[in-house]
């Protein structure tokens, strides 16, 4: 009799399971794989993205129509990548303006994990981030199992979520496109019940479709090349980054030299929080299309803590190029800190047009510390050249708006020299 009861219980279990499968009211949640959810890699060195991206960065975007999914929040789960810097940024994809995000060291890791941007850790450390619409009740937000909450303001019809990696590697320190991990997975969450739903389908983003908008600057012909703080604006900026910029028209028979003391960079993650900046780089881009073509970053630059570095730009078409290269090498052999960029004005862009000889120089600081006396984040921006005048014409307070005045030796300042003057044995910079 005991055996019969056992077999009857097993039979009943099968019946119940079958009934449950056939009559389930909960649809199966099937989302694409993470690499199908996100865009293809938007490479900083791909010569496609406008607005002067850093050549040592990679981006991925997930854009969707929020007005088609008004009751859906996003749950983003993944592993911390092996990168110098990592973040999520939120943008209004209709305007390109930044509306929120979270930086690497501010991400609370999943239970039992470490944040490797806060403490050195070799574990596979994971995180969970929620992106919630303005209509979601705060009481329900408080019930979410992670405190990494990115709120979207009301009125956003199309949202772009962007991942940024700088200097991605695998676990062994070798360059890796994805930072040695898979892209995070995206799940949909019902904002009323907190139950999982299918994630919104990705739609086409404007992130790589904003064309360049610029007005030729008369000051491009000046010998002096001052640097200004770039205003925060459109075109998917990283709000964790501050930029100094200068522009010039570089003639074939001349060189541009700018010098300054670069910001000191932390050597271990435990120092990230209080560092003067996380990362710095110099990027050169074409005024004609606002794309970047040449770059150098802190760890590979000729630079030493607290000492002035010099950066020289000359054209590939300069007939004295080899002599310029030889002199820069000699200066470095004698203890100098010189970095040479060779600009090819005949290089063709993706539109099959020469990039030309109007150059924008960008000095980028990621997570600049406003508590540091010489932080570029403490400067005030100056508007770009437009019909109403030049950037220098719009300066109201030089001590806050012109880099070498505001920051002293920590602010870049450039001068153009003839090739003959630079190659002269008596050459010295007037900086």
Protein backbone atom coordinates (compact mmCIF):
# COMPACT_ATOMS: atom_id res chain seq x y z
CA UNK A 1 0.00 0.00 0.00
CA UNK A 2 2.88 2.34 0.76
CA UNK A 3 4.38 1.74 -2.70
CA UNK A 4 1.03 2.54 -4.37
CA UNK A 5 0.82 5.86 -2.52
CA UNK A 6 4.32 6.81 -3.65
CA UNK A 7 3.57 6.04 -7.28
CA UNK A 8 0.28 7.91 -7.03
CA UNK A 9 2.05 10.98 -5.68
CA UNK A 10 4.55 10.87 -8.51
CA UNK A 11 1.79 10.54 -11.07
CA UNK A 12 -0.07 13.46 -9.52
CA UNK A 13 3.08 15.57 -9.60
CA UNK A 14 3.44 14.95 -13.34
CA UNK A 15 -0.16 15.91 -13.91
CA UNK A 16 0.20 19.12 -11.92
CA UNK A 17 3.39 20.04 -13.74
CA UNK A 18 1.78 19.41 -17.08
CA UNK A 19 -1.19 21.52 -16.14
CA UNK A 20 1.05 24.28 -14.92
CA UNK A 21 3.03 24.32 -18.18
CA UNK A 22 -0.05 24.31 -20.38
CA UNK A 23 -2.01 26.92 -18.50
CA UNK A 24 0.68 29.26 -17.25
CA UNK A 25 -0.34 32.90 -17.33
CA UNK A 26 3.26 34.07 -17.00
CA UNK A 27 4.83 34.43 -20.44
CA UNK A 28 8.42 33.31 -20.88
CA UNK A 29 10.85 36.21 -20.70
CA UNK A 30 13.23 36.01 -23.62
CA UNK A 31 15.71 38.86 -24.11
CA UNK A 32 18.45 39.05 -26.73
CA UNK A 33 22.02 38.33 -25.66
CA UNK A 34 23.83 41.35 -24.20
CA UNK A 35 25.87 42.01 -27.35
CA UNK A 36 22.61 42.05 -29.32
CA UNK A 37 21.02 44.48 -26.86
CA UNK A 38 23.82 47.04 -27.09
CA UNK A 39 25.17 48.73 -30.19
CA UNK A 40 28.32 47.63 -31.89
CA UNK A 41 31.43 49.12 -30.32
CA UNK A 42 31.66 52.85 -30.96
CA UNK A 43 35.43 53.22 -31.09
CA UNK A 44 37.06 56.43 -30.03
CA UNK A 45 39.75 55.78 -32.63
CA UNK A 46 37.30 54.82 -35.34
CA UNK A 47 37.40 58.30 -36.96
CA UNK A 48 33.61 58.28 -37.18
CA UNK A 49 32.33 59.88 -33.96
CA UNK A 50 32.14 63.67 -33.87
CA UNK A 51 32.72 66.04 -30.93
CA UNK A 52 36.38 65.02 -30.48
CA UNK A 53 36.24 61.63 -28.73
CA UNK A 54 39.27 60.25 -26.92
CA UNK A 55 41.15 57.70 -29.04
CA UNK A 56 41.63 55.40 -26.05
CA UNK A 57 37.94 54.99 -25.29
CA UNK A 58 35.16 52.63 -26.37
CA UNK A 59 31.43 53.25 -26.13
CA UNK A 60 28.22 51.24 -26.41
CA UNK A 61 24.71 52.64 -26.51
CA UNK A 62 21.28 51.20 -25.79
CA UNK A 63 18.56 53.55 -26.98
CA UNK A 64 14.82 53.00 -26.77
CA UNK A 65 11.56 54.92 -27.07
CA UNK A 66 10.45 55.55 -23.49
CA UNK A 67 7.05 56.74 -24.64
CA UNK A 68 6.39 53.24 -26.01
CA UNK A 69 7.37 51.63 -22.68
CA UNK A 70 6.04 54.07 -20.03
CA UNK A 71 5.69 51.39 -17.33
CA UNK A 72 9.09 49.76 -17.74
CA UNK A 73 12.27 50.32 -15.75
CA UNK A 74 15.62 48.81 -16.73
CA UNK A 75 17.70 46.39 -14.68
CA UNK A 76 21.31 46.31 -15.95
CA UNK A 77 23.49 43.52 -14.57
CA UNK A 78 27.09 42.81 -15.40
CA UNK A 79 30.68 42.44 -14.26
CA UNK A 80 33.01 45.33 -13.52
CA UNK A 81 35.38 45.70 -16.50
CA UNK A 82 39.16 45.99 -16.36
CA UNK A 83 39.52 49.64 -17.34
CA UNK A 84 41.05 52.88 -16.14
CA UNK A 85 37.58 54.42 -16.10
CA UNK A 86 34.05 53.07 -16.57
CA UNK A 87 30.63 54.68 -16.36
CA UNK A 88 26.99 54.67 -17.37
CA UNK A 89 25.62 57.90 -18.82
CA UNK A 90 22.02 58.77 -19.66
CA UNK A 91 21.11 61.09 -22.53
CA UNK A 92 18.04 62.59 -24.08
CA UNK A 93 18.62 61.09 -27.50
CA UNK A 94 16.52 63.76 -29.20
CA UNK A 95 18.89 66.52 -28.08
CA UNK A 96 22.16 64.79 -27.12
CA UNK A 97 22.10 66.37 -23.65
CA UNK A 98 23.31 64.49 -20.57
CA UNK A 99 20.57 63.84 -17.99
CA UNK A 100 22.26 61.52 -15.48
CA UNK A 101 24.50 58.53 -14.95
CA UNK A 102 26.85 56.87 -12.48
CA UNK A 103 30.66 56.63 -12.32
CA UNK A 104 32.60 53.46 -11.60
CA UNK A 105 33.60 54.14 -7.97
CA UNK A 106 30.05 55.15 -7.07
CA UNK A 107 28.56 51.80 -8.14
CA UNK A 108 27.66 49.63 -5.14
CA UNK A 109 28.73 46.03 -5.95
CA UNK A 110 26.42 43.05 -5.61
CA UNK A 111 26.43 41.25 -2.26
CA UNK A 112 29.68 39.37 -1.67
CA UNK A 113 31.50 41.36 -4.35
CA UNK A 114 33.99 44.22 -4.31
CA UNK A 115 34.06 47.36 -6.37
CA UNK A 116 37.50 47.11 -8.06
CA UNK A 117 37.53 50.89 -8.60
CA UNK A 118 37.49 51.32 -4.82
CA UNK A 119 39.61 48.43 -3.56
CA UNK A 120 42.08 46.15 -5.34
CA UNK A 121 40.28 42.90 -6.07
CA UNK A 122 40.90 39.98 -8.42
CA UNK A 123 37.44 38.42 -8.04
CA UNK A 124 34.74 38.37 -10.68
CA UNK A 125 32.87 41.31 -9.23
CA UNK A 126 29.35 42.06 -10.39
CA UNK A 127 26.92 44.95 -10.12
CA UNK A 128 23.27 45.82 -10.69
CA UNK A 129 22.07 49.22 -11.87
CA UNK A 130 18.46 50.33 -12.27
CA UNK A 131 17.27 53.00 -14.69
CA UNK A 132 13.84 54.23 -13.59
CA UNK A 133 11.37 56.68 -15.18
CA UNK A 134 10.15 59.77 -13.35
CA UNK A 135 6.70 58.18 -12.98
CA UNK A 136 7.92 55.32 -10.79
CA UNK A 137 6.76 55.54 -7.18
CA UNK A 138 9.56 56.22 -4.68
CA UNK A 139 8.23 53.53 -2.34
CA UNK A 140 8.68 50.92 -5.07
CA UNK A 141 12.12 52.28 -5.99
CA UNK A 142 13.11 51.74 -2.36
CA UNK A 143 12.17 48.07 -2.72
CA UNK A 144 14.60 47.45 -5.57
CA UNK A 145 17.39 45.09 -4.44
CA UNK A 146 20.16 47.49 -5.55
CA UNK A 147 20.75 51.10 -4.50
CA UNK A 148 22.38 51.98 -7.84
CA UNK A 149 19.48 54.05 -9.16
CA UNK A 150 19.66 56.27 -12.24
CA UNK A 151 16.55 58.43 -12.53
CA UNK A 152 15.23 59.73 -15.85
CA UNK A 153 13.58 63.13 -15.78
CA UNK A 154 10.07 63.56 -17.13
CA UNK A 155 9.63 64.64 -20.73
CA UNK A 156 12.27 62.33 -22.21
CA UNK A 157 10.79 60.49 -25.17
CA UNK A 158 13.86 58.61 -26.33
CA UNK A 159 16.53 57.55 -23.83
CA UNK A 160 20.12 56.60 -24.65
CA UNK A 161 22.09 54.64 -22.05
CA UNK A 162 25.81 54.79 -22.81
CA UNK A 163 28.67 52.67 -21.41
CA UNK A 164 32.14 54.24 -21.44
CA UNK A 165 35.40 52.34 -21.13
CA UNK A 166 38.84 53.96 -21.08
CA UNK A 167 41.91 51.78 -21.63
CA UNK A 168 40.11 48.44 -21.49
CA UNK A 169 42.19 45.30 -20.91
CA UNK A 170 41.66 41.66 -20.10
CA UNK A 171 42.46 40.27 -16.66
CA UNK A 172 46.15 40.03 -17.61
CA UNK A 173 46.50 43.64 -18.68
CA UNK A 174 46.36 43.02 -22.44
CA UNK A 175 44.30 45.42 -24.54
CA UNK A 176 40.72 44.16 -24.88
CA UNK A 177 37.77 45.79 -26.59
CA UNK A 178 35.30 44.86 -23.86
CA UNK A 179 37.49 45.26 -20.81
CA UNK A 180 37.79 41.50 -20.30
CA UNK A 181 34.09 40.96 -19.52
CA UNK A 182 30.79 40.50 -21.32
CA UNK A 183 28.58 43.50 -21.87
CA UNK A 184 25.93 43.87 -19.15
CA UNK A 185 22.53 42.21 -19.63
CA UNK A 186 19.40 44.38 -19.74
CA UNK A 187 16.07 43.23 -18.25
CA UNK A 188 12.74 45.03 -18.11
CA UNK A 189 11.00 45.62 -14.76
CA UNK A 190 7.33 46.55 -14.39
CA UNK A 191 7.31 49.80 -12.39
CA UNK A 192 4.02 48.90 -10.65
CA UNK A 193 4.66 45.28 -9.67
CA UNK A 194 8.49 44.96 -9.84
CA UNK A 195 7.98 41.81 -11.90
CA UNK A 196 10.29 41.08 -14.80
CA UNK A 197 9.04 41.92 -18.29
CA UNK A 198 10.66 41.83 -21.70
CA UNK A 199 13.24 44.60 -22.08
CA UNK A 200 12.39 47.38 -24.56
CA UNK A 201 13.71 46.90 -28.07
CA UNK A 202 16.68 49.07 -29.00
CA UNK A 203 16.05 51.70 -31.63
CA UNK A 204 18.35 53.83 -33.77
CA UNK A 205 20.30 56.44 -31.81
CA UNK A 206 21.46 59.90 -32.83
CA UNK A 207 24.77 59.39 -31.03
CA UNK A 208 26.79 59.16 -34.24
CA UNK A 209 24.62 61.35 -36.46
CA UNK A 210 25.17 64.85 -35.07
CA UNK A 211 27.18 66.64 -37.68
CA UNK A 212 29.87 69.20 -36.91
CA UNK A 213 28.75 72.73 -36.17
CA UNK A 214 31.48 75.31 -36.07
CA UNK A 215 32.34 78.83 -37.05
CA UNK A 216 35.83 79.51 -38.37
CA UNK A 217 37.74 81.50 -35.81
CA UNK A 218 39.76 84.55 -36.90
CA UNK A 219 42.11 83.88 -34.02
CA UNK A 220 43.22 80.68 -35.75
CA UNK A 221 45.75 82.87 -37.55
CA UNK A 222 47.19 84.32 -34.34
CA UNK A 223 50.61 83.26 -33.14
CA UNK A 224 49.33 82.78 -29.62
CA UNK A 225 47.11 79.78 -28.85
CA UNK A 226 45.42 80.17 -25.46
CA UNK A 227 43.26 77.41 -23.99
CA UNK A 228 39.71 77.74 -22.70
CA UNK A 229 37.37 75.51 -20.72
CA UNK A 230 34.89 73.93 -23.11
CA UNK A 231 31.26 74.67 -22.19
CA UNK A 232 29.12 71.67 -21.28
CA UNK A 233 26.60 71.25 -24.00
CA UNK A 234 25.13 68.88 -26.51
CA UNK A 235 26.59 65.93 -28.38
CA UNK A 236 26.61 63.32 -25.58
CA UNK A 237 29.19 64.84 -23.22
CA UNK A 238 30.66 62.97 -20.30
CA UNK A 239 29.67 65.05 -17.28
CA UNK A 240 32.52 63.45 -15.32
CA UNK A 241 35.05 65.05 -17.68
CA UNK A 242 36.33 68.59 -18.13
CA UNK A 243 38.01 69.76 -21.32
CA UNK A 244 40.38 72.58 -22.21
CA UNK A 245 40.56 73.43 -25.88
CA UNK A 246 42.64 75.55 -28.22
CA UNK A 247 42.50 75.92 -31.98
CA UNK A 248 44.87 77.08 -34.69
CA UNK A 249 45.64 77.19 -38.37
CA UNK A 250 48.96 75.39 -38.66
CA UNK A 251 51.02 76.38 -41.69
CA UNK A 252 53.25 73.81 -43.39
CA UNK A 253 56.48 75.64 -42.48
CA UNK A 254 55.65 76.20 -38.82
CA UNK A 255 55.20 74.27 -35.57
CA UNK A 256 52.87 74.76 -32.63
CA UNK A 257 54.35 74.24 -29.17
CA UNK A 258 52.27 74.27 -25.99
CA UNK A 259 53.54 73.46 -22.52
CA UNK A 260 52.12 72.90 -19.04
CA UNK A 261 52.34 70.65 -15.99
CA UNK A 262 49.86 67.80 -16.49
CA UNK A 263 47.65 66.74 -13.60
CA UNK A 264 49.08 63.92 -11.47
CA UNK A 265 47.34 60.55 -11.90
CA UNK A 266 46.79 57.97 -9.09
CA UNK A 267 48.69 54.70 -9.32
CA UNK A 268 46.29 52.48 -7.31
CA UNK A 269 42.52 52.26 -7.09
CA UNK A 270 42.53 53.04 -3.39
CA UNK A 271 43.62 56.57 -4.33
CA UNK A 272 40.95 57.11 -7.00
CA UNK A 273 38.43 58.86 -4.78
CA UNK A 274 40.73 61.68 -3.67
CA UNK A 275 42.88 61.95 -6.80
CA UNK A 276 43.36 65.26 -8.62
CA UNK A 277 42.05 63.46 -11.72
CA UNK A 278 41.64 59.88 -12.88
CA UNK A 279 43.05 60.28 -16.39
CA UNK A 280 44.36 62.88 -18.78
CA UNK A 281 44.99 62.95 -22.49
CA UNK A 282 45.75 65.27 -25.38
CA UNK A 283 43.68 64.77 -28.53
CA UNK A 284 44.06 66.51 -31.87
CA UNK A 285 41.02 66.81 -34.09
CA UNK A 286 40.03 68.48 -37.31
CA UNK A 287 37.98 71.66 -37.13
CA UNK A 288 36.38 70.61 -40.44
CA UNK A 289 34.58 67.58 -38.97
CA UNK A 290 35.20 67.60 -35.17
CA UNK A 291 36.66 64.08 -35.29
CA UNK A 292 39.84 63.07 -33.42
CA UNK A 293 42.87 61.71 -35.29
CA UNK A 294 45.85 61.82 -32.93
CA UNK A 295 46.11 61.36 -29.18
CA UNK A 296 48.40 60.62 -26.28
CA UNK A 297 47.46 59.79 -22.69
CA UNK A 298 49.14 60.13 -19.31
CA UNK A 299 50.95 56.79 -18.99
CA UNK A 300 52.64 56.95 -22.41
CA UNK A 301 53.38 60.69 -22.53
CA UNK A 302 56.75 62.21 -21.79
CA UNK A 303 55.79 63.56 -18.39
CA UNK A 304 56.95 63.58 -14.76
CA UNK A 305 55.01 64.59 -11.68
CA UNK A 306 55.24 68.31 -11.02
CA UNK A 307 57.30 69.07 -14.15
CA UNK A 308 56.36 70.92 -17.29
CA UNK A 309 55.85 68.86 -20.46
CA UNK A 310 55.95 70.27 -23.98
CA UNK A 311 53.82 69.19 -26.92
CA UNK A 312 54.82 70.04 -30.47
CA UNK A 313 52.67 69.72 -33.58
CA UNK A 314 54.01 69.86 -37.11
CA UNK A 315 52.66 68.83 -40.46
CA UNK A 316 53.64 65.61 -42.17
CA UNK A 317 54.12 67.81 -45.25
CA UNK A 318 56.75 69.93 -43.49
CA UNK A 319 59.94 69.58 -45.61
CA UNK A 320 62.03 69.58 -42.40
CA UNK A 321 60.02 66.80 -40.71
CA UNK A 322 62.97 64.46 -40.20
CA UNK A 323 65.03 67.25 -38.66
CA UNK A 324 62.13 68.14 -36.33
CA UNK A 325 61.83 64.51 -35.25
CA UNK A 326 65.58 64.30 -34.65
CA UNK A 327 65.59 67.46 -32.51
CA UNK A 328 62.68 66.25 -30.37
CA UNK A 329 64.51 62.96 -29.82
CA UNK A 330 67.67 64.87 -28.86
CA UNK A 331 65.75 67.08 -26.41
CA UNK A 332 64.33 64.00 -24.71
CA UNK A 333 67.71 62.31 -24.57
CA UNK A 334 68.96 65.38 -22.71
CA UNK A 335 66.26 65.07 -20.06
CA UNK A 336 63.47 67.02 -21.76
CA UNK A 337 59.80 66.09 -21.74
CA UNK A 338 58.74 66.57 -25.36
CA UNK A 339 55.83 64.94 -27.18
CA UNK A 340 55.60 65.17 -30.96
CA UNK A 341 52.42 64.99 -33.04
CA UNK A 342 52.76 64.73 -36.82
CA UNK A 343 49.57 66.02 -38.43
CA UNK A 344 48.72 64.85 -41.96
CA UNK A 345 46.56 67.57 -43.52
CA UNK A 346 46.02 65.41 -46.62
CA UNK A 347 44.60 62.49 -44.65
CA UNK A 348 41.11 61.67 -45.95
CA UNK A 349 38.17 61.45 -43.57
CA UNK A 350 35.25 59.04 -43.97
CA UNK A 351 33.67 61.49 -46.40
CA UNK A 352 36.80 61.29 -48.58
CA UNK A 353 37.73 64.88 -47.78
CA UNK A 354 41.17 66.04 -46.53
CA UNK A 355 41.11 66.81 -42.82
CA UNK A 356 42.91 70.08 -43.54
CA UNK A 357 45.20 72.24 -41.44
CA UNK A 358 42.74 73.79 -38.98
CA UNK A 359 43.37 71.89 -35.75
CA UNK A 360 41.59 71.68 -32.40
CA UNK A 361 43.64 70.58 -29.38
CA UNK A 362 41.74 69.00 -26.47
CA UNK A 363 43.20 68.51 -22.99
CA UNK A 364 40.88 66.07 -21.21
CA UNK A 365 40.65 65.43 -17.45
CA UNK A 366 38.35 62.66 -16.20
CA UNK A 367 36.92 63.16 -12.70
CA UNK A 368 38.84 66.37 -11.97
CA UNK A 369 38.91 67.18 -8.26
CA UNK A 370 37.42 70.61 -7.58
CA UNK A 371 39.18 70.67 -4.23
CA UNK A 372 42.57 70.83 -5.97
CA UNK A 373 43.82 74.37 -6.43
CA UNK A 374 44.79 73.86 -10.08
CA UNK A 375 41.84 71.79 -11.22
CA UNK A 376 40.51 72.76 -14.63
CA UNK A 377 37.05 72.05 -13.23
CA UNK A 378 37.33 75.33 -11.29
CA UNK A 379 37.58 77.39 -14.45
CA UNK A 380 34.62 79.07 -16.10
CA UNK A 381 33.73 78.22 -19.71
CA UNK A 382 33.96 80.64 -22.62
CA UNK A 383 31.63 80.30 -25.57
CA UNK A 384 32.97 79.13 -28.90
CA UNK A 385 33.50 81.49 -31.82
CA UNK A 386 30.27 82.59 -33.43
CA UNK A 387 28.79 85.53 -35.28
CA UNK A 388 29.13 87.61 -32.11
CA UNK A 389 32.86 87.18 -31.70
CA UNK A 390 35.90 85.10 -30.77
CA UNK A 391 36.33 83.11 -27.53
CA UNK A 392 38.96 85.63 -26.40
CA UNK A 393 36.45 88.44 -27.03
CA UNK A 394 34.00 86.79 -24.64
CA UNK A 395 36.39 86.53 -21.70
CA UNK A 396 35.03 88.47 -18.73
CA UNK A 397 37.42 87.18 -16.08
CA UNK A 398 40.85 86.02 -17.41
CA UNK A 399 41.78 84.60 -13.99
CA UNK A 400 38.96 82.07 -14.39
CA UNK A 401 38.64 81.68 -18.16
CA UNK A 402 42.13 81.61 -19.73
CA UNK A 403 43.97 78.44 -18.72
CA UNK A 404 47.55 79.71 -18.30
CA UNK A 405 46.28 82.67 -16.26
CA UNK A 406 43.79 80.70 -14.18
CA UNK A 407 46.05 77.71 -13.52
CA UNK A 408 49.57 79.04 -13.91
CA UNK A 409 52.00 76.34 -15.05
CA UNK A 410 49.20 73.76 -14.89
CA UNK A 411 47.35 75.53 -17.71
CA UNK A 412 48.47 74.90 -21.31
CA UNK A 413 49.51 77.82 -23.48
CA UNK A 414 50.71 77.62 -27.07
CA UNK A 415 52.88 79.63 -29.46
CA UNK A 416 53.62 79.06 -33.14
CA UNK A 417 57.20 79.17 -34.37
CA UNK A 418 58.77 78.97 -37.78
CA UNK A 419 60.47 75.66 -38.48
CA UNK A 420 63.78 77.52 -38.83
CA UNK A 421 63.41 79.07 -35.38
CA UNK A 422 62.65 75.71 -33.75
CA UNK A 423 65.63 74.04 -35.42
CA UNK A 424 67.96 76.87 -34.45
CA UNK A 425 70.65 75.85 -31.90
CA UNK A 426 69.64 78.88 -29.82
CA UNK A 427 65.95 77.92 -29.67
CA UNK A 428 64.13 78.35 -26.38
CA UNK A 429 60.38 78.48 -25.82
CA UNK A 430 59.02 81.79 -24.65
CA UNK A 431 56.70 80.09 -22.20
